[in-house]
Amino acid sequence: MDPQARIPYLRTMKNWIVIVVIMLAGKLHAQITVIKDDRIDAMVKAQSVITPPANSPQISGYRIQLIFDSDKAVIDDARAKFLAQFPKVDTYVEFTAPHYFLKVGDFRTQLEAERVKAAVQAQFPTAFIAKEKINLPRIDQ
């Protein structure tokens, strides 16, 4: 065969080979098996849950610091006593080494804080009002 005549034949043959390879590649199926611990799925699910921010919008207001102590049990007892008397008032335990501080309330005005302070003055004689950032007060109070 003439070399010039063979060139179109080779091009056509090359095209057919490429087409056959592409068709065969499309029919190949690869299978991958992943072996993993079931706890991984649980962790991924827990991480994917959307949680709201831990802090709510804050404004300037007042809180009452009832007590501070280095013993957390003392703070927990004071918190329980306060909540028995005022179940709808939020309480906050803050830790600044080496002391725990029990603060209560999200009062917008000092007058609101003074009313609650007067009610707990007998149980917590060292209580005082502190101006600080507070969470928006609950509507149901």
N, C-alpha and C. Protein backbone atom coordinates (compact mmCIF):
# COMPACT_ATOMS: atom_id res chain seq x y z
N MET A 1 0.84 -1.15 0.00
CA MET A 1 0.00 0.00 0.00
C MET A 1 0.89 1.23 0.00
N ASP A 2 0.42 2.23 -0.67
CA ASP A 2 1.15 3.49 -0.78
C ASP A 2 1.17 4.18 0.59
N PRO A 3 2.32 4.72 1.03
CA PRO A 3 2.39 5.36 2.34
C PRO A 3 1.42 6.52 2.48
N GLN A 4 1.20 7.25 1.39
CA GLN A 4 0.25 8.36 1.46
C GLN A 4 -1.18 7.86 1.67
N ALA A 5 -1.50 6.72 1.16
CA ALA A 5 -2.83 6.15 1.29
C ALA A 5 -3.03 5.56 2.68
N ARG A 6 -1.94 5.19 3.34
CA ARG A 6 -2.03 4.58 4.66
C ARG A 6 -2.34 5.61 5.75
N ILE A 7 -1.99 6.87 5.54
CA ILE A 7 -2.20 7.90 6.57
C ILE A 7 -3.69 8.06 6.90
N PRO A 8 -4.59 8.23 5.95
CA PRO A 8 -6.01 8.32 6.32
C PRO A 8 -6.50 7.05 7.00
N TYR A 9 -5.98 5.91 6.55
CA TYR A 9 -6.37 4.64 7.16
C TYR A 9 -5.94 4.60 8.62
N LEU A 10 -4.72 5.06 8.94
CA LEU A 10 -4.21 5.06 10.31
C LEU A 10 -5.00 6.04 11.18
N ARG A 11 -5.34 7.18 10.59
CA ARG A 11 -6.14 8.15 11.34
C ARG A 11 -7.51 7.57 11.70
N THR A 12 -8.12 6.92 10.73
CA THR A 12 -9.43 6.32 10.96
C THR A 12 -9.31 5.21 12.00
N MET A 13 -8.28 4.39 11.91
CA MET A 13 -8.06 3.30 12.86
C MET A 13 -7.80 3.87 14.26
N LYS A 14 -7.04 4.93 14.33
CA LYS A 14 -6.74 5.58 15.62
C LYS A 14 -8.04 6.11 16.23
N ASN A 15 -8.88 6.72 15.46
CA ASN A 15 -10.17 7.23 15.95
C ASN A 15 -11.04 6.11 16.47
N TRP A 16 -11.07 4.97 15.76
CA TRP A 16 -11.86 3.83 16.21
C TRP A 16 -11.33 3.26 17.52
N ILE A 17 -10.05 3.21 17.65
CA ILE A 17 -9.45 2.70 18.90
C ILE A 17 -9.81 3.61 20.06
N VAL A 18 -9.75 4.92 19.84
CA VAL A 18 -10.10 5.88 20.90
C VAL A 18 -11.57 5.72 21.28
N ILE A 19 -12.43 5.56 20.31
CA ILE A 19 -13.86 5.39 20.58
C ILE A 19 -14.11 4.11 21.36
N VAL A 20 -13.46 3.00 20.98
CA VAL A 20 -13.64 1.73 21.67
C VAL A 20 -13.14 1.83 23.12
N VAL A 21 -12.00 2.49 23.33
CA VAL A 21 -11.45 2.64 24.69
C VAL A 21 -12.39 3.48 25.56
N ILE A 22 -12.94 4.54 25.00
CA ILE A 22 -13.87 5.39 25.76
C ILE A 22 -15.13 4.60 26.13
N MET A 23 -15.62 3.80 25.19
CA MET A 23 -16.81 3.00 25.47
C MET A 23 -16.54 1.96 26.54
N LEU A 24 -15.38 1.33 26.49
CA LEU A 24 -15.04 0.34 27.50
C LEU A 24 -14.82 0.98 28.86
N ALA A 25 -14.22 2.16 28.86
CA ALA A 25 -13.97 2.85 30.13
C ALA A 25 -15.29 3.24 30.79
N GLY A 26 -16.26 3.56 29.99
CA GLY A 26 -17.57 3.91 30.54
C GLY A 26 -18.28 2.73 31.15
N LYS A 27 -17.98 1.53 30.71
CA LYS A 27 -18.63 0.33 31.23
C LYS A 27 -17.92 -0.23 32.46
N LEU A 28 -16.71 0.24 32.74
CA LEU A 28 -16.00 -0.24 33.92
C LEU A 28 -16.63 0.37 35.17
N HIS A 29 -16.81 -0.44 36.17
CA HIS A 29 -17.37 0.03 37.43
C HIS A 29 -16.39 -0.34 38.53
N ALA A 30 -15.99 0.69 39.27
CA ALA A 30 -15.10 0.46 40.40
C ALA A 30 -15.93 0.42 41.67
N GLN A 31 -15.54 -0.40 42.59
CA GLN A 31 -16.27 -0.50 43.84
C GLN A 31 -15.27 -0.32 44.97
N ILE A 32 -15.62 0.61 45.88
CA ILE A 32 -14.77 0.88 47.04
C ILE A 32 -15.57 0.55 48.28
N THR A 33 -14.98 -0.20 49.17
CA THR A 33 -15.63 -0.54 50.43
C THR A 33 -14.90 0.17 51.55
N VAL A 34 -15.66 0.97 52.32
CA VAL A 34 -15.09 1.70 53.45
C VAL A 34 -15.47 0.97 54.73
N ILE A 35 -14.49 0.60 55.49
CA ILE A 35 -14.73 -0.07 56.77
C ILE A 35 -14.44 0.96 57.85
N LYS A 36 -15.49 1.27 58.64
CA LYS A 36 -15.31 2.30 59.66
C LYS A 36 -16.13 1.93 60.89
N ASP A 37 -15.80 2.61 61.96
CA ASP A 37 -16.49 2.42 63.23
C ASP A 37 -17.81 3.20 63.19
N ASP A 38 -18.87 2.65 63.76
CA ASP A 38 -20.17 3.32 63.78
C ASP A 38 -20.15 4.61 64.58
N ARG A 39 -19.20 4.72 65.50
CA ARG A 39 -19.11 5.95 66.30
C ARG A 39 -18.73 7.15 65.45
N ILE A 40 -18.07 6.90 64.32
CA ILE A 40 -17.71 8.01 63.42
C ILE A 40 -18.98 8.66 62.89
N ASP A 41 -19.96 7.86 62.47
CA ASP A 41 -21.23 8.41 61.99
C ASP A 41 -21.93 9.21 63.08
N ALA A 42 -21.87 8.72 64.31
CA ALA A 42 -22.51 9.43 65.42
C ALA A 42 -21.82 10.78 65.65
N MET A 43 -20.50 10.79 65.56
CA MET A 43 -19.77 12.05 65.76
C MET A 43 -20.06 13.04 64.64
N VAL A 44 -20.12 12.56 63.41
CA VAL A 44 -20.42 13.44 62.28
C VAL A 44 -21.83 14.01 62.42
N LYS A 45 -22.77 13.18 62.85
CA LYS A 45 -24.14 13.65 63.03
C LYS A 45 -24.21 14.69 64.14
N ALA A 46 -23.49 14.46 65.23
CA ALA A 46 -23.49 15.41 66.34
C ALA A 46 -22.86 16.75 65.93
N GLN A 47 -21.81 16.70 65.13
CA GLN A 47 -21.14 17.92 64.69
C GLN A 47 -21.98 18.69 63.67
N SER A 48 -22.83 17.99 62.94
CA SER A 48 -23.59 18.65 61.89
C SER A 48 -24.85 19.33 62.40
N VAL A 49 -25.21 19.09 63.65
CA VAL A 49 -26.40 19.73 64.23
C VAL A 49 -26.11 21.21 64.41
N ILE A 50 -27.00 22.03 63.91
CA ILE A 50 -26.82 23.47 64.03
C ILE A 50 -27.33 23.91 65.40
N THR A 51 -26.46 24.49 66.18
CA THR A 51 -26.85 24.96 67.50
C THR A 51 -26.82 26.47 67.51
N PRO A 52 -27.76 27.08 68.18
CA PRO A 52 -27.76 28.54 68.24
C PRO A 52 -26.59 29.04 69.08
N PRO A 53 -26.21 30.27 68.91
CA PRO A 53 -25.11 30.79 69.71
C PRO A 53 -25.41 30.69 71.20
N ALA A 54 -24.37 30.51 71.98
CA ALA A 54 -24.53 30.33 73.42
C ALA A 54 -24.93 31.63 74.10
N ASN A 55 -24.61 32.72 73.52
CA ASN A 55 -24.93 33.98 74.17
C ASN A 55 -26.06 34.68 73.42
N SER A 56 -26.89 35.34 74.17
CA SER A 56 -28.00 36.08 73.58
C SER A 56 -27.61 37.55 73.50
N PRO A 57 -28.39 38.36 72.82
CA PRO A 57 -28.08 39.77 72.76
C PRO A 57 -28.03 40.37 74.16
N GLN A 58 -27.08 41.25 74.38
CA GLN A 58 -26.92 41.82 75.71
C GLN A 58 -27.10 43.33 75.68
N ILE A 59 -27.59 43.85 76.80
CA ILE A 59 -27.79 45.28 76.97
C ILE A 59 -27.20 45.68 78.33
N SER A 60 -27.07 46.96 78.57
CA SER A 60 -26.61 47.42 79.88
C SER A 60 -27.75 47.28 80.88
N GLY A 61 -27.42 46.82 82.07
CA GLY A 61 -28.44 46.63 83.09
C GLY A 61 -27.80 46.35 84.43
N TYR A 62 -28.52 45.65 85.28
CA TYR A 62 -28.06 45.41 86.65
C TYR A 62 -28.26 43.95 87.03
N ARG A 63 -27.33 43.46 87.84
CA ARG A 63 -27.44 42.15 88.47
C ARG A 63 -27.11 42.32 89.94
N ILE A 64 -27.60 41.38 90.73
CA ILE A 64 -27.30 41.39 92.16
C ILE A 64 -26.27 40.29 92.41
N GLN A 65 -25.15 40.67 93.01
CA GLN A 65 -24.17 39.66 93.41
C GLN A 65 -24.54 39.25 94.83
N LEU A 66 -24.98 38.03 94.97
CA LEU A 66 -25.44 37.56 96.28
C LEU A 66 -24.30 37.13 97.18
N ILE A 67 -23.36 36.39 96.62
CA ILE A 67 -22.32 35.79 97.45
C ILE A 67 -21.13 35.41 96.57
N PHE A 68 -19.96 35.34 97.19
CA PHE A 68 -18.80 34.76 96.51
C PHE A 68 -18.06 33.90 97.51
N ASP A 69 -17.48 32.83 97.01
CA ASP A 69 -16.76 31.89 97.88
C ASP A 69 -15.87 31.03 97.01
N SER A 70 -14.87 30.43 97.62
CA SER A 70 -13.99 29.54 96.87
C SER A 70 -14.53 28.10 96.85
N ASP A 71 -15.57 27.84 97.63
CA ASP A 71 -16.19 26.52 97.68
C ASP A 71 -17.46 26.52 96.82
N LYS A 72 -17.46 25.73 95.77
CA LYS A 72 -18.60 25.69 94.85
C LYS A 72 -19.86 25.18 95.53
N ALA A 73 -19.72 24.32 96.52
CA ALA A 73 -20.89 23.78 97.23
C ALA A 73 -21.64 24.90 97.95
N VAL A 74 -20.92 25.85 98.51
CA VAL A 74 -21.55 26.99 99.19
C VAL A 74 -22.36 27.81 98.18
N ILE A 75 -21.78 28.01 97.00
CA ILE A 75 -22.46 28.76 95.94
C ILE A 75 -23.70 28.02 95.49
N ASP A 76 -23.61 26.70 95.31
CA ASP A 76 -24.76 25.91 94.87
C ASP A 76 -25.89 25.93 95.90
N ASP A 77 -25.53 25.90 97.19
CA ASP A 77 -26.56 25.97 98.25
C ASP A 77 -27.25 27.33 98.22
N ALA A 78 -26.48 28.40 98.08
CA ALA A 78 -27.07 29.74 98.02
C ALA A 78 -27.96 29.89 96.80
N ARG A 79 -27.54 29.30 95.70
CA ARG A 79 -28.33 29.36 94.47
C ARG A 79 -29.67 28.64 94.66
N ALA A 80 -29.63 27.48 95.31
CA ALA A 80 -30.86 26.72 95.56
C ALA A 80 -31.81 27.51 96.47
N LYS A 81 -31.27 28.16 97.50
CA LYS A 81 -32.10 28.98 98.40
C LYS A 81 -32.75 30.12 97.64
N PHE A 82 -31.98 30.78 96.78
CA PHE A 82 -32.51 31.91 96.03
C PHE A 82 -33.59 31.44 95.06
N LEU A 83 -33.32 30.34 94.33
CA LEU A 83 -34.29 29.85 93.36
C LEU A 83 -35.58 29.36 94.02
N ALA A 84 -35.50 28.92 95.26
CA ALA A 84 -36.71 28.52 95.97
C ALA A 84 -37.61 29.73 96.21
N GLN A 85 -37.00 30.88 96.41
CA GLN A 85 -37.76 32.10 96.67
C GLN A 85 -38.15 32.82 95.37
N PHE A 86 -37.27 32.79 94.37
CA PHE A 86 -37.49 33.48 93.09
C PHE A 86 -37.21 32.52 91.92
N PRO A 87 -38.13 31.62 91.61
CA PRO A 87 -37.85 30.62 90.57
C PRO A 87 -37.74 31.18 89.16
N LYS A 88 -38.31 32.36 88.90
CA LYS A 88 -38.28 32.90 87.54
C LYS A 88 -37.10 33.84 87.29
N VAL A 89 -36.29 34.09 88.30
CA VAL A 89 -35.14 34.99 88.13
C VAL A 89 -33.93 34.14 87.76
N ASP A 90 -33.27 34.50 86.67
CA ASP A 90 -32.10 33.75 86.21
C ASP A 90 -30.92 33.93 87.16
N THR A 91 -30.14 32.86 87.31
CA THR A 91 -28.95 32.91 88.16
C THR A 91 -27.72 32.61 87.32
N TYR A 92 -26.59 33.18 87.71
CA TYR A 92 -25.35 33.02 86.97
C TYR A 92 -24.22 32.74 87.96
N VAL A 93 -23.50 31.67 87.72
CA VAL A 93 -22.32 31.35 88.52
C VAL A 93 -21.10 31.63 87.65
N GLU A 94 -20.26 32.54 88.10
CA GLU A 94 -19.04 32.89 87.38
C GLU A 94 -17.84 32.46 88.21
N PHE A 95 -16.81 32.02 87.52
CA PHE A 95 -15.59 31.61 88.21
C PHE A 95 -14.44 32.49 87.78
N THR A 96 -13.86 33.18 88.74
CA THR A 96 -12.62 33.92 88.53
C THR A 96 -11.70 33.44 89.63
N ALA A 97 -10.65 32.75 89.24
CA ALA A 97 -9.78 32.08 90.21
C ALA A 97 -9.40 33.02 91.34
N PRO A 98 -9.52 32.59 92.56
CA PRO A 98 -9.96 31.28 93.07
C PRO A 98 -11.41 31.28 93.55
N HIS A 99 -12.21 32.25 93.15
CA HIS A 99 -13.56 32.38 93.72
C HIS A 99 -14.66 32.14 92.69
N TYR A 100 -15.79 31.66 93.21
CA TYR A 100 -17.04 31.56 92.45
C TYR A 100 -17.91 32.73 92.89
N PHE A 101 -18.62 33.32 91.92
CA PHE A 101 -19.51 34.44 92.20
C PHE A 101 -20.91 34.05 91.78
N LEU A 102 -21.88 34.27 92.67
CA LEU A 102 -23.28 34.01 92.34
C LEU A 102 -23.96 35.35 92.09
N LYS A 103 -24.36 35.54 90.84
CA LYS A 103 -25.07 36.76 90.45
C LYS A 103 -26.45 36.36 89.97
N VAL A 104 -27.43 37.21 90.24
CA VAL A 104 -28.80 36.89 89.87
C VAL A 104 -29.45 38.05 89.15
N GLY A 105 -30.38 37.70 88.28
CA GLY A 105 -31.23 38.70 87.64
C GLY A 105 -30.68 39.29 86.37
N ASP A 106 -31.61 39.78 85.58
CA ASP A 106 -31.34 40.57 84.39
C ASP A 106 -32.26 41.78 84.50
N PHE A 107 -31.87 42.73 85.32
CA PHE A 107 -32.71 43.88 85.61
C PHE A 107 -32.34 45.05 84.72
N ARG A 108 -33.35 45.65 84.10
CA ARG A 108 -33.11 46.80 83.23
C ARG A 108 -32.87 48.07 84.04
N THR A 109 -33.53 48.17 85.18
CA THR A 109 -33.37 49.37 85.99
C THR A 109 -32.83 49.00 87.37
N GLN A 110 -32.23 49.98 88.01
CA GLN A 110 -31.69 49.76 89.34
C GLN A 110 -32.84 49.56 90.34
N LEU A 111 -33.97 50.18 90.08
CA LEU A 111 -35.12 50.04 90.97
C LEU A 111 -35.61 48.59 91.02
N GLU A 112 -35.66 47.92 89.88
CA GLU A 112 -36.05 46.51 89.85
C GLU A 112 -35.07 45.68 90.70
N ALA A 113 -33.79 45.96 90.54
CA ALA A 113 -32.77 45.22 91.29
C ALA A 113 -32.88 45.51 92.79
N GLU A 114 -33.18 46.75 93.15
CA GLU A 114 -33.32 47.12 94.56
C GLU A 114 -34.48 46.37 95.22
N ARG A 115 -35.56 46.17 94.49
CA ARG A 115 -36.71 45.44 95.06
C ARG A 115 -36.34 44.00 95.41
N VAL A 116 -35.65 43.34 94.51
CA VAL A 116 -35.25 41.95 94.77
C VAL A 116 -34.19 41.90 95.86
N LYS A 117 -33.27 42.85 95.84
CA LYS A 117 -32.22 42.89 96.87
C LYS A 117 -32.84 43.07 98.25
N ALA A 118 -33.85 43.92 98.37
CA ALA A 118 -34.51 44.12 99.66
C ALA A 118 -35.19 42.83 100.14
N ALA A 119 -35.69 42.06 99.21
CA ALA A 119 -36.37 40.81 99.58
C ALA A 119 -35.39 39.74 100.04
N VAL A 120 -34.15 39.78 99.57
CA VAL A 120 -33.18 38.73 99.94
C VAL A 120 -32.14 39.23 100.93
N GLN A 121 -32.27 40.46 101.38
CA GLN A 121 -31.26 41.06 102.26
C GLN A 121 -31.07 40.26 103.56
N ALA A 122 -32.14 39.67 104.08
CA ALA A 122 -32.03 38.90 105.33
C ALA A 122 -31.19 37.64 105.14
N GLN A 123 -31.39 36.95 103.99
CA GLN A 123 -30.63 35.72 103.73
C GLN A 123 -29.21 36.01 103.24
N PHE A 124 -29.05 37.08 102.49
CA PHE A 124 -27.75 37.42 101.89
C PHE A 124 -27.38 38.86 102.25
N PRO A 125 -26.88 39.06 103.48
CA PRO A 125 -26.63 40.44 103.93
C PRO A 125 -25.50 41.15 103.16
N THR A 126 -24.64 40.41 102.49
CA THR A 126 -23.54 41.05 101.75
C THR A 126 -23.88 41.29 100.28
N ALA A 127 -25.13 41.08 99.90
CA ALA A 127 -25.53 41.25 98.51
C ALA A 127 -25.41 42.72 98.10
N PHE A 128 -25.01 42.91 96.84
CA PHE A 128 -24.95 44.28 96.31
C PHE A 128 -25.29 44.26 94.83
N ILE A 129 -25.67 45.43 94.32
CA ILE A 129 -26.09 45.57 92.93
C ILE A 129 -24.89 45.98 92.10
N ALA A 130 -24.72 45.32 90.96
CA ALA A 130 -23.60 45.62 90.05
C ALA A 130 -24.15 45.96 88.68
N LYS A 131 -23.62 47.01 88.09
CA LYS A 131 -24.01 47.39 86.74
C LYS A 131 -23.14 46.59 85.78
N GLU A 132 -23.78 45.88 84.85
CA GLU A 132 -23.04 45.08 83.88
C GLU A 132 -23.92 44.75 82.69
N LYS A 133 -23.37 44.06 81.73
CA LYS A 133 -24.13 43.63 80.56
C LYS A 133 -25.04 42.49 80.99
N ILE A 134 -26.31 42.59 80.60
CA ILE A 134 -27.28 41.55 80.95
C ILE A 134 -27.92 40.98 79.70
N ASN A 135 -28.48 39.80 79.84
CA ASN A 135 -29.28 39.22 78.76
C ASN A 135 -30.63 39.93 78.75
N LEU A 136 -31.29 39.91 77.64
CA LEU A 136 -32.63 40.51 77.59
C LEU A 136 -33.52 39.76 78.57
N PRO A 137 -34.22 40.49 79.44
CA PRO A 137 -35.06 39.82 80.44
C PRO A 137 -36.18 39.01 79.78
N ARG A 138 -36.61 37.97 80.49
CA ARG A 138 -37.70 37.14 80.00
C ARG A 138 -38.99 37.96 79.97
N ILE A 139 -39.85 37.64 79.04
CA ILE A 139 -41.12 38.36 78.92
C ILE A 139 -42.12 37.89 79.97
N ASP A 140 -42.03 36.61 80.40
CA ASP A 140 -43.01 36.05 81.32
C ASP A 140 -42.78 36.40 82.78
N GLN A 141 -41.89 37.31 83.12
CA GLN A 141 -41.60 37.63 84.53
C GLN A 141 -42.68 38.50 85.12
